[in-house]
């Protein structure tokens, strides 16, 4: 038997705070707190991993879209906390550095959101031995832009393989 709060999340995780969700078009006050959290994470995952992978957004683009275009759908405090936890370049983001190299974001630093840890593509290094770089400790390196998978050369995308490398977790020490 499932806990009542779990059942509530199952029923409400597609409800939006502005009343545009489904199945009951509930308003923010009527949606459970955990349901509002799951709504945010479910929407984020849907933008990054749609049924048609070619339509997927980068994690960076998904957060940007959620904040800019769909903000009214979500609990404002929770959305801001989610964005703070995920960082400017969330884990799984494909990026291009200012020196034109490609990388995959593995983790972020709350104190340095523009300086995540990433794995770099290097055709001369076997992917099992790929270089992991902490941009916080490499002041000469910087991210030029976040990219969609379609913007990354196939050999670099295969090497970085974002879908097999990423696991999200929340560090309780980074509370916002």
N, C-alpha and C. Protein backbone atom coordinates (compact mmCIF):
# COMPACT_ATOMS: atom_id res chain seq x y z
N UNK A 1 0.85 -1.18 0.00
CA UNK A 1 0.00 0.00 0.00
C UNK A 1 0.89 1.24 0.00
N UNK A 2 0.58 2.19 -0.84
CA UNK A 2 1.35 3.42 -0.93
C UNK A 2 0.89 4.45 0.10
N UNK A 3 1.84 5.18 0.61
CA UNK A 3 1.59 6.26 1.55
C UNK A 3 0.66 7.30 0.90
N UNK A 4 -0.17 7.96 1.71
CA UNK A 4 -1.11 8.96 1.18
C UNK A 4 -0.41 10.09 0.44
N UNK A 5 0.74 10.53 0.94
CA UNK A 5 1.47 11.62 0.28
C UNK A 5 2.00 11.18 -1.09
N UNK A 6 2.42 9.92 -1.20
CA UNK A 6 2.88 9.39 -2.49
C UNK A 6 1.70 9.34 -3.47
N UNK A 7 0.57 8.87 -3.02
CA UNK A 7 -0.62 8.84 -3.88
C UNK A 7 -1.00 10.25 -4.34
N UNK A 8 -0.88 11.20 -3.43
CA UNK A 8 -1.21 12.59 -3.79
C UNK A 8 -0.27 13.09 -4.89
N UNK A 9 1.02 12.80 -4.76
CA UNK A 9 1.98 13.21 -5.79
C UNK A 9 1.63 12.56 -7.13
N UNK A 10 1.28 11.29 -7.12
CA UNK A 10 0.91 10.60 -8.35
C UNK A 10 -0.27 11.30 -9.03
N UNK A 11 -1.25 11.71 -8.25
CA UNK A 11 -2.44 12.37 -8.80
C UNK A 11 -2.19 13.81 -9.23
N UNK A 12 -1.25 14.50 -8.59
CA UNK A 12 -1.10 15.95 -8.80
C UNK A 12 0.14 16.39 -9.57
N UNK A 13 1.01 15.50 -9.95
CA UNK A 13 2.30 15.94 -10.51
C UNK A 13 2.20 16.61 -11.88
N UNK A 14 1.03 16.60 -12.50
CA UNK A 14 0.83 17.33 -13.76
C UNK A 14 -0.02 18.59 -13.55
N UNK A 15 -0.33 18.90 -12.31
CA UNK A 15 -1.07 20.13 -12.01
C UNK A 15 -0.10 21.30 -12.03
N UNK A 16 -0.57 22.47 -12.46
CA UNK A 16 0.26 23.67 -12.49
C UNK A 16 -0.31 24.72 -11.54
N UNK A 17 0.58 25.47 -10.93
CA UNK A 17 0.17 26.47 -9.95
C UNK A 17 -0.78 27.53 -10.51
N UNK A 18 -0.74 27.75 -11.82
CA UNK A 18 -1.64 28.74 -12.44
C UNK A 18 -2.98 28.13 -12.87
N UNK A 19 -3.22 26.86 -12.52
CA UNK A 19 -4.49 26.21 -12.82
C UNK A 19 -4.59 25.61 -14.22
N UNK A 20 -3.48 25.60 -14.98
CA UNK A 20 -3.53 25.08 -16.35
C UNK A 20 -3.16 23.60 -16.46
N UNK A 21 -2.88 22.97 -15.36
CA UNK A 21 -2.46 21.57 -15.42
C UNK A 21 -3.64 20.61 -15.53
N UNK A 22 -3.35 19.34 -15.35
CA UNK A 22 -4.39 18.32 -15.42
C UNK A 22 -4.09 17.26 -14.36
N UNK A 23 -5.04 16.49 -13.93
CA UNK A 23 -6.37 16.30 -14.50
C UNK A 23 -7.44 17.24 -13.95
N UNK A 24 -7.15 17.97 -12.83
CA UNK A 24 -8.23 18.74 -12.19
C UNK A 24 -8.05 20.26 -12.24
N UNK A 25 -7.04 20.77 -12.94
CA UNK A 25 -6.79 22.21 -13.05
C UNK A 25 -6.78 22.89 -11.67
N UNK A 26 -6.02 22.30 -10.74
CA UNK A 26 -5.93 22.85 -9.39
C UNK A 26 -5.10 24.13 -9.38
N UNK A 27 -5.36 24.97 -8.40
CA UNK A 27 -4.54 26.18 -8.21
C UNK A 27 -3.43 25.84 -7.22
N UNK A 28 -2.48 26.74 -7.10
CA UNK A 28 -1.30 26.50 -6.26
C UNK A 28 -1.65 26.07 -4.84
N UNK A 29 -2.61 26.75 -4.22
CA UNK A 29 -2.96 26.46 -2.82
C UNK A 29 -3.51 25.04 -2.65
N UNK A 30 -4.08 24.48 -3.69
CA UNK A 30 -4.68 23.15 -3.60
C UNK A 30 -3.71 22.02 -3.95
N UNK A 31 -2.53 22.36 -4.44
CA UNK A 31 -1.55 21.35 -4.84
C UNK A 31 -0.58 21.11 -3.69
N UNK A 32 -0.36 19.86 -3.36
CA UNK A 32 0.56 19.51 -2.28
C UNK A 32 1.98 19.98 -2.54
N UNK A 33 2.71 20.23 -1.47
CA UNK A 33 4.09 20.72 -1.57
C UNK A 33 4.99 19.76 -2.37
N UNK A 34 4.94 18.48 -2.05
CA UNK A 34 5.77 17.51 -2.78
C UNK A 34 5.33 17.39 -4.24
N UNK A 35 4.05 17.51 -4.48
CA UNK A 35 3.55 17.47 -5.87
C UNK A 35 4.12 18.63 -6.67
N UNK A 36 4.25 19.81 -6.05
CA UNK A 36 4.81 20.97 -6.74
C UNK A 36 6.29 20.75 -7.07
N UNK A 37 7.02 20.07 -6.19
CA UNK A 37 8.43 19.74 -6.47
C UNK A 37 8.52 18.76 -7.63
N UNK A 38 7.72 17.71 -7.59
CA UNK A 38 7.75 16.70 -8.65
C UNK A 38 7.29 17.30 -9.98
N UNK A 39 6.35 18.22 -9.96
CA UNK A 39 5.92 18.89 -11.19
C UNK A 39 7.10 19.59 -11.86
N UNK A 40 7.92 20.27 -11.08
CA UNK A 40 9.09 20.98 -11.62
C UNK A 40 10.09 19.99 -12.22
N UNK A 41 10.42 18.96 -11.46
CA UNK A 41 11.42 17.99 -11.95
C UNK A 41 10.90 17.20 -13.15
N UNK A 42 9.62 16.87 -13.14
CA UNK A 42 9.02 16.14 -14.25
C UNK A 42 9.03 17.00 -15.52
N UNK A 43 8.71 18.27 -15.39
CA UNK A 43 8.71 19.17 -16.55
C UNK A 43 10.13 19.33 -17.10
N UNK A 44 11.10 19.51 -16.20
CA UNK A 44 12.50 19.64 -16.60
C UNK A 44 12.94 18.39 -17.37
N UNK A 45 12.64 17.23 -16.83
CA UNK A 45 13.03 15.98 -17.49
C UNK A 45 12.35 15.84 -18.85
N UNK A 46 11.09 16.24 -18.94
CA UNK A 46 10.37 16.17 -20.21
C UNK A 46 10.96 17.07 -21.28
N UNK A 47 11.47 18.24 -20.88
CA UNK A 47 12.11 19.14 -21.84
C UNK A 47 13.45 18.58 -22.32
N UNK A 48 14.18 17.95 -21.42
CA UNK A 48 15.50 17.41 -21.77
C UNK A 48 15.43 16.06 -22.47
N UNK A 49 14.42 15.28 -22.14
CA UNK A 49 14.31 13.90 -22.65
C UNK A 49 12.93 13.62 -23.23
N UNK A 50 12.53 14.35 -24.28
CA UNK A 50 11.20 14.10 -24.86
C UNK A 50 11.17 12.77 -25.61
N UNK A 51 9.99 12.38 -26.01
CA UNK A 51 9.87 11.12 -26.75
C UNK A 51 10.71 11.13 -28.01
N UNK A 52 10.77 12.28 -28.67
CA UNK A 52 11.64 12.43 -29.84
C UNK A 52 12.94 13.06 -29.38
N UNK A 53 14.01 12.28 -29.24
CA UNK A 53 15.27 12.81 -28.71
C UNK A 53 15.82 14.02 -29.48
N UNK A 54 15.48 14.14 -30.76
CA UNK A 54 15.95 15.29 -31.54
C UNK A 54 15.34 16.60 -31.06
N UNK A 55 14.23 16.52 -30.36
CA UNK A 55 13.55 17.73 -29.87
C UNK A 55 14.02 18.13 -28.47
N UNK A 56 14.91 17.34 -27.89
CA UNK A 56 15.37 17.61 -26.53
C UNK A 56 16.15 18.90 -26.40
N UNK A 57 15.93 19.59 -25.30
CA UNK A 57 16.69 20.79 -24.98
C UNK A 57 17.89 20.42 -24.13
N UNK A 58 18.89 21.26 -24.14
CA UNK A 58 19.99 21.08 -23.19
C UNK A 58 19.44 21.40 -21.81
N UNK A 59 20.03 20.86 -20.73
CA UNK A 59 19.57 21.22 -19.39
C UNK A 59 19.58 22.73 -19.17
N UNK A 60 20.58 23.41 -19.69
CA UNK A 60 20.68 24.86 -19.57
C UNK A 60 19.48 25.54 -20.24
N UNK A 61 19.15 25.10 -21.45
CA UNK A 61 18.00 25.68 -22.18
C UNK A 61 16.69 25.36 -21.47
N UNK A 62 16.59 24.15 -20.92
CA UNK A 62 15.36 23.76 -20.24
C UNK A 62 15.11 24.66 -19.03
N UNK A 63 16.13 24.91 -18.22
CA UNK A 63 15.96 25.79 -17.07
C UNK A 63 15.60 27.19 -17.51
N UNK A 64 16.27 27.66 -18.54
CA UNK A 64 16.00 29.00 -19.06
C UNK A 64 14.55 29.11 -19.54
N UNK A 65 14.08 28.11 -20.26
CA UNK A 65 12.71 28.11 -20.76
C UNK A 65 11.70 28.04 -19.61
N UNK A 66 11.98 27.19 -18.63
CA UNK A 66 11.06 27.08 -17.50
C UNK A 66 10.93 28.41 -16.77
N UNK A 67 12.03 29.10 -16.60
CA UNK A 67 12.00 30.37 -15.87
C UNK A 67 11.39 31.48 -16.72
N UNK A 68 11.75 31.55 -17.99
CA UNK A 68 11.30 32.66 -18.84
C UNK A 68 9.88 32.48 -19.38
N UNK A 69 9.54 31.27 -19.79
CA UNK A 69 8.26 31.07 -20.48
C UNK A 69 7.17 30.41 -19.65
N UNK A 70 7.56 29.56 -18.72
CA UNK A 70 6.56 28.77 -17.99
C UNK A 70 6.56 29.04 -16.49
N UNK A 71 7.15 30.12 -16.09
CA UNK A 71 7.33 30.42 -14.67
C UNK A 71 6.02 30.39 -13.88
N UNK A 72 4.93 30.87 -14.46
CA UNK A 72 3.66 30.94 -13.74
C UNK A 72 3.09 29.56 -13.42
N UNK A 73 3.58 28.54 -14.11
CA UNK A 73 3.09 27.18 -13.86
C UNK A 73 3.61 26.59 -12.55
N UNK A 74 4.71 27.14 -12.05
CA UNK A 74 5.41 26.52 -10.93
C UNK A 74 5.40 27.40 -9.69
N UNK A 75 5.58 26.75 -8.55
CA UNK A 75 5.79 27.46 -7.29
C UNK A 75 7.08 28.26 -7.44
N UNK A 76 6.99 29.58 -7.30
CA UNK A 76 8.13 30.46 -7.58
C UNK A 76 9.33 30.16 -6.69
N UNK A 77 9.10 29.97 -5.41
CA UNK A 77 10.20 29.70 -4.47
C UNK A 77 10.87 28.37 -4.81
N UNK A 78 10.07 27.36 -5.11
CA UNK A 78 10.62 26.05 -5.44
C UNK A 78 11.36 26.06 -6.77
N UNK A 79 10.84 26.78 -7.76
CA UNK A 79 11.52 26.87 -9.05
C UNK A 79 12.89 27.53 -8.89
N UNK A 80 12.94 28.62 -8.14
CA UNK A 80 14.22 29.30 -7.92
C UNK A 80 15.20 28.39 -7.17
N UNK A 81 14.71 27.64 -6.19
CA UNK A 81 15.57 26.71 -5.45
C UNK A 81 16.08 25.59 -6.38
N UNK A 82 15.21 25.09 -7.24
CA UNK A 82 15.60 24.06 -8.20
C UNK A 82 16.70 24.58 -9.12
N UNK A 83 16.53 25.78 -9.63
CA UNK A 83 17.53 26.37 -10.53
C UNK A 83 18.85 26.58 -9.79
N UNK A 84 18.78 27.03 -8.53
CA UNK A 84 20.02 27.19 -7.74
C UNK A 84 20.71 25.85 -7.54
N UNK A 85 19.95 24.81 -7.26
CA UNK A 85 20.54 23.48 -7.05
C UNK A 85 21.15 22.93 -8.34
N UNK A 86 20.51 23.16 -9.46
CA UNK A 86 20.99 22.63 -10.73
C UNK A 86 22.16 23.44 -11.28
N UNK A 87 22.20 24.73 -11.02
CA UNK A 87 23.29 25.58 -11.49
C UNK A 87 23.03 26.14 -12.88
N UNK A 88 23.89 27.06 -13.29
CA UNK A 88 23.77 27.68 -14.61
C UNK A 88 23.95 26.64 -15.71
N UNK A 89 24.88 25.75 -15.51
CA UNK A 89 25.13 24.65 -16.44
C UNK A 89 24.88 23.35 -15.68
N UNK A 90 23.65 22.85 -15.67
CA UNK A 90 23.32 21.65 -14.90
C UNK A 90 24.10 20.43 -15.38
N UNK A 91 24.30 19.45 -14.50
CA UNK A 91 24.92 18.20 -14.94
C UNK A 91 24.18 17.66 -16.16
N UNK A 92 24.95 17.22 -17.14
CA UNK A 92 24.38 16.74 -18.38
C UNK A 92 24.43 17.75 -19.51
N UNK A 93 24.76 19.00 -19.17
CA UNK A 93 24.86 20.04 -20.20
C UNK A 93 26.08 19.79 -21.08
N UNK A 94 25.87 19.87 -22.36
CA UNK A 94 26.98 19.84 -23.32
C UNK A 94 27.40 21.28 -23.53
N UNK A 95 28.70 21.53 -23.48
CA UNK A 95 29.20 22.89 -23.58
C UNK A 95 30.37 22.96 -24.56
N UNK A 96 30.61 24.17 -25.04
CA UNK A 96 31.80 24.44 -25.83
C UNK A 96 32.60 25.48 -25.07
N UNK A 97 33.88 25.20 -24.90
CA UNK A 97 34.75 26.13 -24.19
C UNK A 97 35.19 27.25 -25.12
N UNK A 98 35.73 28.29 -24.54
CA UNK A 98 36.22 29.41 -25.34
C UNK A 98 37.35 29.00 -26.28
N UNK A 99 38.05 27.89 -25.94
CA UNK A 99 39.11 27.39 -26.83
C UNK A 99 38.57 26.39 -27.86
N UNK A 100 37.25 26.32 -28.00
CA UNK A 100 36.52 25.50 -28.98
C UNK A 100 36.42 24.01 -28.64
N UNK A 101 36.95 23.57 -27.51
CA UNK A 101 36.80 22.17 -27.12
C UNK A 101 35.38 21.94 -26.60
N UNK A 102 34.94 20.67 -26.69
CA UNK A 102 33.62 20.28 -26.23
C UNK A 102 33.74 19.57 -24.89
N UNK A 103 32.71 19.74 -24.05
CA UNK A 103 32.71 19.08 -22.76
C UNK A 103 31.30 18.74 -22.32
N UNK A 104 31.24 17.92 -21.29
CA UNK A 104 29.99 17.51 -20.66
C UNK A 104 30.08 17.86 -19.19
N UNK A 105 29.13 18.63 -18.70
CA UNK A 105 29.14 19.04 -17.29
C UNK A 105 28.79 17.85 -16.41
N UNK A 106 29.64 17.62 -15.41
CA UNK A 106 29.43 16.53 -14.46
C UNK A 106 28.89 17.02 -13.13
N UNK A 107 29.30 18.21 -12.72
CA UNK A 107 28.88 18.74 -11.43
C UNK A 107 29.11 20.23 -11.37
N UNK A 108 28.46 20.86 -10.40
CA UNK A 108 28.61 22.31 -10.29
C UNK A 108 29.02 22.70 -8.88
N UNK A 109 29.50 23.93 -8.78
CA UNK A 109 29.91 24.50 -7.50
C UNK A 109 28.97 25.66 -7.18
N UNK A 110 28.19 25.56 -6.11
CA UNK A 110 27.26 26.65 -5.79
C UNK A 110 27.94 28.01 -5.66
N UNK A 111 29.17 28.03 -5.21
CA UNK A 111 29.87 29.31 -5.04
C UNK A 111 30.43 29.84 -6.36
N UNK A 112 30.56 28.98 -7.37
CA UNK A 112 31.10 29.36 -8.68
C UNK A 112 30.23 28.74 -9.78
N UNK A 113 29.00 29.21 -9.97
CA UNK A 113 28.09 28.55 -10.91
C UNK A 113 28.55 28.55 -12.37
N UNK A 114 29.47 29.43 -12.73
CA UNK A 114 29.97 29.46 -14.11
C UNK A 114 31.21 28.59 -14.29
N UNK A 115 31.61 27.89 -13.22
CA UNK A 115 32.84 27.09 -13.25
C UNK A 115 32.56 25.65 -12.80
N UNK A 116 31.79 24.89 -13.58
CA UNK A 116 31.49 23.51 -13.19
C UNK A 116 32.67 22.56 -13.43
N UNK A 117 32.48 21.34 -12.99
CA UNK A 117 33.42 20.26 -13.31
C UNK A 117 32.88 19.58 -14.56
N UNK A 118 33.79 19.30 -15.50
CA UNK A 118 33.33 18.66 -16.73
C UNK A 118 34.34 17.67 -17.28
N UNK A 119 33.85 16.86 -18.18
CA UNK A 119 34.69 15.91 -18.89
C UNK A 119 34.92 16.50 -20.28
N UNK A 120 36.16 16.45 -20.74
CA UNK A 120 36.51 17.06 -22.03
C UNK A 120 36.65 16.01 -23.12
N UNK A 121 36.19 16.37 -24.29
CA UNK A 121 36.39 15.53 -25.47
C UNK A 121 37.80 15.77 -26.01
N UNK A 122 38.51 14.67 -26.21
CA UNK A 122 39.84 14.73 -26.83
C UNK A 122 39.99 13.46 -27.65
N UNK A 123 40.01 13.60 -28.96
CA UNK A 123 40.08 12.44 -29.84
C UNK A 123 41.36 11.63 -29.65
N UNK A 124 42.37 12.21 -29.01
CA UNK A 124 43.65 11.53 -28.79
C UNK A 124 43.66 10.70 -27.51
N UNK A 125 42.61 10.84 -26.68
CA UNK A 125 42.54 10.14 -25.40
C UNK A 125 41.36 9.17 -25.44
N UNK A 126 41.57 7.89 -25.09
CA UNK A 126 40.44 6.95 -25.06
C UNK A 126 39.36 7.47 -24.11
N UNK A 127 38.09 7.26 -24.48
CA UNK A 127 37.02 7.84 -23.67
C UNK A 127 36.98 7.27 -22.26
N UNK A 128 37.49 6.07 -22.05
CA UNK A 128 37.55 5.51 -20.69
C UNK A 128 38.54 6.28 -19.82
N UNK A 129 39.44 7.02 -20.45
CA UNK A 129 40.46 7.79 -19.73
C UNK A 129 40.26 9.29 -19.93
N UNK A 130 39.06 9.69 -20.29
CA UNK A 130 38.78 11.09 -20.59
C UNK A 130 39.19 12.01 -19.45
N UNK A 131 39.66 13.17 -19.83
CA UNK A 131 40.13 14.17 -18.88
C UNK A 131 38.95 14.84 -18.18
N UNK A 132 38.99 14.86 -16.86
CA UNK A 132 38.00 15.56 -16.06
C UNK A 132 38.65 16.84 -15.56
N UNK A 133 37.99 17.96 -15.81
CA UNK A 133 38.55 19.27 -15.48
C UNK A 133 37.59 20.02 -14.57
N UNK A 134 38.12 20.58 -13.50
CA UNK A 134 37.36 21.43 -12.60
C UNK A 134 37.66 22.88 -12.99
N UNK A 135 36.72 23.53 -13.65
CA UNK A 135 36.95 24.89 -14.13
C UNK A 135 37.19 25.88 -12.99
N UNK A 136 36.75 25.53 -11.81
CA UNK A 136 37.00 26.38 -10.64
C UNK A 136 38.51 26.48 -10.38
N UNK A 137 39.23 25.44 -10.74
CA UNK A 137 40.68 25.41 -10.51
C UNK A 137 41.49 25.70 -11.77
N UNK A 138 40.80 25.99 -12.85
CA UNK A 138 41.46 26.27 -14.13
C UNK A 138 41.02 27.65 -14.64
N UNK A 139 41.58 28.71 -14.10
CA UNK A 139 41.12 30.06 -14.45
C UNK A 139 41.28 30.42 -15.93
N UNK A 140 42.14 29.72 -16.65
CA UNK A 140 42.33 30.01 -18.08
C UNK A 140 41.20 29.46 -18.94
N UNK A 141 40.43 28.52 -18.41
CA UNK A 141 39.36 27.89 -19.18
C UNK A 141 38.01 28.48 -18.79
N UNK A 142 37.15 28.65 -19.79
CA UNK A 142 35.80 29.16 -19.53
C UNK A 142 34.84 28.61 -20.58
N UNK A 143 33.59 28.51 -20.20
CA UNK A 143 32.55 28.04 -21.11
C UNK A 143 32.11 29.20 -22.00
N UNK A 144 32.06 28.93 -23.30
CA UNK A 144 31.57 29.93 -24.26
C UNK A 144 30.06 29.81 -24.43
N UNK A 145 29.56 28.55 -24.49
CA UNK A 145 28.12 28.37 -24.68
C UNK A 145 27.68 26.95 -24.33
N UNK A 146 26.40 26.84 -23.99
CA UNK A 146 25.76 25.54 -23.81
C UNK A 146 25.22 25.12 -25.17
N UNK A 147 25.26 23.82 -25.45
CA UNK A 147 24.87 23.32 -26.77
C UNK A 147 23.81 22.24 -26.66
N UNK A 148 23.03 22.13 -27.72
CA UNK A 148 22.12 20.98 -27.87
C UNK A 148 22.94 19.83 -28.45
N UNK A 149 22.51 18.60 -28.23
CA UNK A 149 23.25 17.48 -28.82
C UNK A 149 23.46 17.62 -30.32
N UNK A 150 22.48 18.15 -31.04
CA UNK A 150 22.60 18.29 -32.49
C UNK A 150 23.69 19.28 -32.90
N UNK A 151 24.15 20.11 -31.97
CA UNK A 151 25.19 21.10 -32.27
C UNK A 151 26.60 20.57 -32.02
N UNK A 152 26.69 19.36 -31.50
CA UNK A 152 27.98 18.76 -31.16
C UNK A 152 28.34 17.75 -32.25
N UNK A 153 29.58 17.77 -32.74
CA UNK A 153 29.98 16.79 -33.75
C UNK A 153 29.70 15.36 -33.26
N UNK A 154 29.24 14.48 -34.15
CA UNK A 154 28.88 13.11 -33.74
C UNK A 154 29.98 12.39 -32.97
N UNK A 155 31.24 12.54 -33.39
CA UNK A 155 32.32 11.83 -32.69
C UNK A 155 32.49 12.36 -31.26
N UNK A 156 32.29 13.65 -31.04
CA UNK A 156 32.38 14.22 -29.69
C UNK A 156 31.19 13.78 -28.85
N UNK A 157 30.00 13.75 -29.46
CA UNK A 157 28.80 13.33 -28.75
C UNK A 157 28.91 11.87 -28.32
N UNK A 158 29.41 11.02 -29.21
CA UNK A 158 29.59 9.61 -28.88
C UNK A 158 30.59 9.45 -27.73
N UNK A 159 31.64 10.22 -27.76
CA UNK A 159 32.69 10.18 -26.74
C UNK A 159 32.14 10.63 -25.39
N UNK A 160 31.43 11.75 -25.37
CA UNK A 160 30.92 12.30 -24.12
C UNK A 160 29.72 11.53 -23.60
N UNK A 161 28.90 11.00 -24.51
CA UNK A 161 27.79 10.10 -24.19
C UNK A 161 26.98 10.56 -22.97
N UNK A 162 26.30 11.71 -23.05
CA UNK A 162 25.64 12.27 -21.88
C UNK A 162 24.60 11.37 -21.22
N UNK A 163 23.87 10.60 -21.97
CA UNK A 163 22.80 9.80 -21.36
C UNK A 163 23.33 8.69 -20.44
N UNK A 164 24.55 8.23 -20.66
CA UNK A 164 25.08 7.16 -19.82
C UNK A 164 25.95 7.66 -18.68
N UNK A 165 26.27 8.92 -18.65
CA UNK A 165 27.21 9.42 -17.65
C UNK A 165 26.57 10.20 -16.51
N UNK A 166 25.33 10.61 -16.63
CA UNK A 166 24.77 11.57 -15.70
C UNK A 166 23.84 10.94 -14.68
N UNK A 167 24.05 11.30 -13.43
CA UNK A 167 23.17 10.98 -12.33
C UNK A 167 23.02 12.25 -11.51
N UNK A 168 21.81 12.64 -11.22
CA UNK A 168 21.58 13.84 -10.42
C UNK A 168 21.50 13.46 -8.95
N UNK A 169 22.02 14.32 -8.10
CA UNK A 169 21.85 14.17 -6.67
C UNK A 169 21.88 15.56 -6.07
N UNK A 170 21.27 15.69 -4.92
CA UNK A 170 21.25 16.98 -4.23
C UNK A 170 22.13 16.86 -3.00
N UNK A 171 23.10 17.74 -2.90
CA UNK A 171 23.99 17.78 -1.75
C UNK A 171 23.31 18.60 -0.66
N UNK A 172 22.98 18.01 0.49
CA UNK A 172 22.25 18.75 1.53
C UNK A 172 23.04 19.95 2.07
N UNK A 173 24.33 20.01 1.82
CA UNK A 173 25.13 21.15 2.29
C UNK A 173 24.92 22.38 1.43
N UNK A 174 24.25 22.24 0.28
CA UNK A 174 24.07 23.37 -0.64
C UNK A 174 22.65 23.91 -0.58
N UNK A 175 22.04 23.87 0.57
CA UNK A 175 20.66 24.36 0.70
C UNK A 175 20.56 25.81 0.30
N UNK A 176 19.48 26.15 -0.37
CA UNK A 176 19.27 27.51 -0.84
C UNK A 176 18.11 28.08 -0.20
